[in-house]
Amino acid sequence: MVRQALSLAGAGVIAAAGIGALGLVLPVIGAGLSALAALVSPVGIALRPS
């Protein structure tokens, strides 16, 4: 019983750490994709200094 509770608590901690890591990584990926889209889109090409 105690071992099962400890394993569930450990799984919860690992899941929370994974969600936290995703919370850090996803905005970086989103910013990179939006920067690439701005470079490729016609508006981005018009605004980009040549």
PDB file of N, CA and C in Angstrom:
ATOM      1  N   MET A   1       0.830  -1.199   0.000  1.00  0.00           N
ATOM      2  CA  MET A   1       0.000   0.000   0.000  1.00  0.00           C
ATOM      3  C   MET A   1       0.869   1.255   0.000  1.00  0.00           C
ATOM      4  N   VAL A   2       1.861   1.295   0.878  1.00  0.00           N
ATOM      5  CA  VAL A   2       2.739   2.473   0.939  1.00  0.00           C
ATOM      6  C   VAL A   2       3.577   2.574  -0.324  1.00  0.00           C
ATOM      7  N   ARG A   3       4.055   1.411  -0.805  1.00  0.00           N
ATOM      8  CA  ARG A   3       4.871   1.422  -2.013  1.00  0.00           C
ATOM      9  C   ARG A   3       4.066   1.932  -3.203  1.00  0.00           C
ATOM     10  N   GLN A   4       2.809   1.534  -3.294  1.00  0.00           N
ATOM     11  CA  GLN A   4       1.957   1.993  -4.393  1.00  0.00           C
ATOM     12  C   GLN A   4       1.729   3.499  -4.296  1.00  0.00           C
ATOM     13  N   ALA A   5       1.523   3.992  -3.096  1.00  0.00           N
ATOM     14  CA  ALA A   5       1.315   5.428  -2.929  1.00  0.00           C
ATOM     15  C   ALA A   5       2.578   6.198  -3.309  1.00  0.00           C
ATOM     16  N   LEU A   6       3.735   5.656  -2.940  1.00  0.00           N
ATOM     17  CA  LEU A   6       4.989   6.333  -3.292  1.00  0.00           C
ATOM     18  C   LEU A   6       5.223   6.321  -4.798  1.00  0.00           C
ATOM     19  N   SER A   7       4.887   5.205  -5.452  1.00  0.00           N
ATOM     20  CA  SER A   7       5.087   5.147  -6.895  1.00  0.00           C
ATOM     21  C   SER A   7       4.122   6.103  -7.603  1.00  0.00           C
ATOM     22  N   LEU A   8       2.902   6.224  -7.098  1.00  0.00           N
ATOM     23  CA  LEU A   8       1.961   7.181  -7.689  1.00  0.00           C
ATOM     24  C   LEU A   8       2.441   8.615  -7.478  1.00  0.00           C
ATOM     25  N   ALA A   9       2.985   8.897  -6.310  1.00  0.00           N
ATOM     26  CA  ALA A   9       3.501  10.244  -6.048  1.00  0.00           C
ATOM     27  C   ALA A   9       4.687  10.540  -6.965  1.00  0.00           C
ATOM     28  N   GLY A  10       5.552   9.542  -7.164  1.00  0.00           N
ATOM     29  CA  GLY A  10       6.686   9.725  -8.070  1.00  0.00           C
ATOM     30  C   GLY A  10       6.230   9.965  -9.495  1.00  0.00           C
ATOM     31  N   ALA A  11       5.222   9.222  -9.934  1.00  0.00           N
ATOM     32  CA  ALA A  11       4.690   9.421 -11.282  1.00  0.00           C
ATOM     33  C   ALA A  11       4.090  10.818 -11.416  1.00  0.00           C
ATOM     34  N   GLY A  12       3.446  11.298 -10.365  1.00  0.00           N
ATOM     35  CA  GLY A  12       2.886  12.654 -10.407  1.00  0.00           C
ATOM     36  C   GLY A  12       3.963  13.713 -10.507  1.00  0.00           C
ATOM     37  N   VAL A  13       5.058  13.507  -9.771  1.00  0.00           N
ATOM     38  CA  VAL A  13       6.162  14.472  -9.834  1.00  0.00           C
ATOM     39  C   VAL A  13       6.786  14.478 -11.221  1.00  0.00           C
ATOM     40  N   ILE A  14       6.976  13.293 -11.807  1.00  0.00           N
ATOM     41  CA  ILE A  14       7.559  13.203 -13.152  1.00  0.00           C
ATOM     42  C   ILE A  14       6.627  13.858 -14.177  1.00  0.00           C
ATOM     43  N   ALA A  15       5.327  13.623 -14.040  1.00  0.00           N
ATOM     44  CA  ALA A  15       4.374  14.234 -14.969  1.00  0.00           C
ATOM     45  C   ALA A  15       4.376  15.749 -14.836  1.00  0.00           C
ATOM     46  N   ALA A  16       4.451  16.254 -13.618  1.00  0.00           N
ATOM     47  CA  ALA A  16       4.483  17.705 -13.423  1.00  0.00           C
ATOM     48  C   ALA A  16       5.756  18.300 -14.002  1.00  0.00           C
ATOM     49  N   ALA A  17       6.883  17.599 -13.849  1.00  0.00           N
ATOM     50  CA  ALA A  17       8.140  18.091 -14.422  1.00  0.00           C
ATOM     51  C   ALA A  17       8.070  18.096 -15.948  1.00  0.00           C
ATOM     52  N   GLY A  18       7.450  17.079 -16.521  1.00  0.00           N
ATOM     53  CA  GLY A  18       7.306  17.035 -17.973  1.00  0.00           C
ATOM     54  C   GLY A  18       6.430  18.161 -18.491  1.00  0.00           C
ATOM     55  N   ILE A  19       5.347  18.435 -17.800  1.00  0.00           N
ATOM     56  CA  ILE A  19       4.468  19.534 -18.218  1.00  0.00           C
ATOM     57  C   ILE A  19       5.190  20.871 -18.080  1.00  0.00           C
ATOM     58  N   GLY A  20       5.982  21.017 -17.027  1.00  0.00           N
ATOM     59  CA  GLY A  20       6.754  22.251 -16.864  1.00  0.00           C
ATOM     60  C   GLY A  20       7.781  22.430 -17.964  1.00  0.00           C
ATOM     61  N   ALA A  21       8.438  21.335 -18.369  1.00  0.00           N
ATOM     62  CA  ALA A  21       9.411  21.422 -19.455  1.00  0.00           C
ATOM     63  C   ALA A  21       8.725  21.795 -20.757  1.00  0.00           C
ATOM     64  N   LEU A  22       7.544  21.231 -20.999  1.00  0.00           N
ATOM     65  CA  LEU A  22       6.798  21.602 -22.203  1.00  0.00           C
ATOM     66  C   LEU A  22       6.406  23.075 -22.163  1.00  0.00           C
ATOM     67  N   GLY A  23       6.072  23.558 -20.987  1.00  0.00           N
ATOM     68  CA  GLY A  23       5.721  24.969 -20.856  1.00  0.00           C
ATOM     69  C   GLY A  23       6.889  25.887 -21.184  1.00  0.00           C
ATOM     70  N   LEU A  24       8.107  25.407 -20.979  1.00  0.00           N
ATOM     71  CA  LEU A  24       9.275  26.211 -21.339  1.00  0.00           C
ATOM     72  C   LEU A  24       9.631  26.070 -22.814  1.00  0.00           C
ATOM     73  N   VAL A  25       9.455  24.871 -23.375  1.00  0.00           N
ATOM     74  CA  VAL A  25       9.918  24.596 -24.736  1.00  0.00           C
ATOM     75  C   VAL A  25       8.939  25.105 -25.785  1.00  0.00           C
ATOM     76  N   LEU A  26       7.641  24.953 -25.542  1.00  0.00           N
ATOM     77  CA  LEU A  26       6.660  25.307 -26.567  1.00  0.00           C
ATOM     78  C   LEU A  26       6.690  26.787 -26.966  1.00  0.00           C
ATOM     79  N   PRO A  27       6.835  27.742 -26.053  1.00  0.00           N
ATOM     80  CA  PRO A  27       6.929  29.139 -26.512  1.00  0.00           C
ATOM     81  C   PRO A  27       8.161  29.405 -27.368  1.00  0.00           C
ATOM     82  N   VAL A  28       9.271  28.721 -27.090  1.00  0.00           N
ATOM     83  CA  VAL A  28      10.471  28.904 -27.913  1.00  0.00           C
ATOM     84  C   VAL A  28      10.229  28.382 -29.320  1.00  0.00           C
ATOM     85  N   ILE A  29       9.596  27.203 -29.419  1.00  0.00           N
ATOM     86  CA  ILE A  29       9.286  26.645 -30.740  1.00  0.00           C
ATOM     87  C   ILE A  29       8.298  27.551 -31.467  1.00  0.00           C
ATOM     88  N   GLY A  30       7.293  28.048 -30.767  1.00  0.00           N
ATOM     89  CA  GLY A  30       6.314  28.945 -31.391  1.00  0.00           C
ATOM     90  C   GLY A  30       6.949  30.227 -31.888  1.00  0.00           C
ATOM     91  N   ALA A  31       7.872  30.779 -31.123  1.00  0.00           N
ATOM     92  CA  ALA A  31       8.538  32.010 -31.556  1.00  0.00           C
ATOM     93  C   ALA A  31       9.397  31.751 -32.784  1.00  0.00           C
ATOM     94  N   GLY A  32      10.068  30.617 -32.809  1.00  0.00           N
ATOM     95  CA  GLY A  32      10.882  30.286 -33.985  1.00  0.00           C
ATOM     96  C   GLY A  32      10.026  30.088 -35.220  1.00  0.00           C
ATOM     97  N   LEU A  33       8.899  29.394 -35.074  1.00  0.00           N
ATOM     98  CA  LEU A  33       8.030  29.173 -36.225  1.00  0.00           C
ATOM     99  C   LEU A  33       7.408  30.476 -36.714  1.00  0.00           C
ATOM    100  N   SER A  34       7.049  31.362 -35.797  1.00  0.00           N
ATOM    101  CA  SER A  34       6.470  32.630 -36.231  1.00  0.00           C
ATOM    102  C   SER A  34       7.519  33.497 -36.916  1.00  0.00           C
ATOM    103  N   ALA A  35       8.780  33.422 -36.458  1.00  0.00           N
ATOM    104  CA  ALA A  35       9.838  34.167 -37.132  1.00  0.00           C
ATOM    105  C   ALA A  35      10.060  33.628 -38.536  1.00  0.00           C
ATOM    106  N   LEU A  36      10.038  32.304 -38.688  1.00  0.00           N
ATOM    107  CA  LEU A  36      10.186  31.723 -40.031  1.00  0.00           C
ATOM    108  C   LEU A  36       9.013  32.101 -40.921  1.00  0.00           C
ATOM    109  N   ALA A  37       7.812  32.086 -40.376  1.00  0.00           N
ATOM    110  CA  ALA A  37       6.636  32.458 -41.166  1.00  0.00           C
ATOM    111  C   ALA A  37       6.709  33.921 -41.581  1.00  0.00           C
ATOM    112  N   ALA A  38       7.230  34.779 -40.714  1.00  0.00           N
ATOM    113  CA  ALA A  38       7.351  36.195 -41.065  1.00  0.00           C
ATOM    114  C   ALA A  38       8.375  36.390 -42.179  1.00  0.00           C
ATOM    115  N   LEU A  39       9.412  35.562 -42.192  1.00  0.00           N
ATOM    116  CA  LEU A  39      10.409  35.684 -43.260  1.00  0.00           C
ATOM    117  C   LEU A  39       9.862  35.207 -44.599  1.00  0.00           C
ATOM    118  N   VAL A  40       8.990  34.202 -44.568  1.00  0.00           N
ATOM    119  CA  VAL A  40       8.507  33.595 -45.809  1.00  0.00           C
ATOM    120  C   VAL A  40       7.278  34.319 -46.359  1.00  0.00           C
ATOM    121  N   SER A  41       6.471  34.886 -45.492  1.00  0.00           N
ATOM    122  CA  SER A  41       5.217  35.490 -45.950  1.00  0.00           C
ATOM    123  C   SER A  41       5.491  36.769 -46.738  1.00  0.00           C
ATOM    124  N   PRO A  42       4.591  37.155 -47.619  1.00  0.00           N
ATOM    125  CA  PRO A  42       4.797  38.391 -48.396  1.00  0.00           C
ATOM    126  C   PRO A  42       4.906  39.631 -47.513  1.00  0.00           C
ATOM    127  N   VAL A  43       4.170  39.673 -46.415  1.00  0.00           N
ATOM    128  CA  VAL A  43       4.258  40.819 -45.514  1.00  0.00           C
ATOM    129  C   VAL A  43       5.652  40.872 -44.888  1.00  0.00           C
ATOM    130  N   GLY A  44       6.160  39.707 -44.480  1.00  0.00           N
ATOM    131  CA  GLY A  44       7.500  39.666 -43.915  1.00  0.00           C
ATOM    132  C   GLY A  44       8.558  40.085 -44.919  1.00  0.00           C
ATOM    133  N   ILE A  45       8.377  39.679 -46.171  1.00  0.00           N
ATOM    134  CA  ILE A  45       9.337  40.068 -47.205  1.00  0.00           C
ATOM    135  C   ILE A  45       9.280  41.568 -47.432  1.00  0.00           C
ATOM    136  N   ALA A  46       8.076  42.153 -47.405  1.00  0.00           N
ATOM    137  CA  ALA A  46       7.935  43.592 -47.621  1.00  0.00           C
ATOM    138  C   ALA A  46       8.522  44.381 -46.463  1.00  0.00           C
ATOM    139  N   LEU A  47       8.403  43.861 -45.239  1.00  0.00           N
ATOM    140  CA  LEU A  47       8.902  44.592 -44.071  1.00  0.00           C
ATOM    141  C   LEU A  47      10.389  44.386 -43.835  1.00  0.00           C
ATOM    142  N   ARG A  48      10.946  43.304 -44.370  1.00  0.00           N
ATOM    143  CA  ARG A  48      12.351  42.990 -44.107  1.00  0.00           C
ATOM    144  C   ARG A  48      13.250  43.971 -44.850  1.00  0.00           C
ATOM    145  N   PRO A  49      14.185  44.583 -44.171  1.00  0.00           N
ATOM    146  CA  PRO A  49      15.100  45.508 -44.868  1.00  0.00           C
ATOM    147  C   PRO A  49      16.014  44.740 -45.816  1.00  0.00           C
ATOM    148  N   SER A  50      16.185  45.281 -47.010  1.00  0.00           N
ATOM    149  CA  SER A  50      17.015  44.583 -47.983  1.00  0.00           C
ATOM    150  C   SER A  50      18.358  45.270 -48.182  1.00  0.00           C
TER     151      SER A  50
END
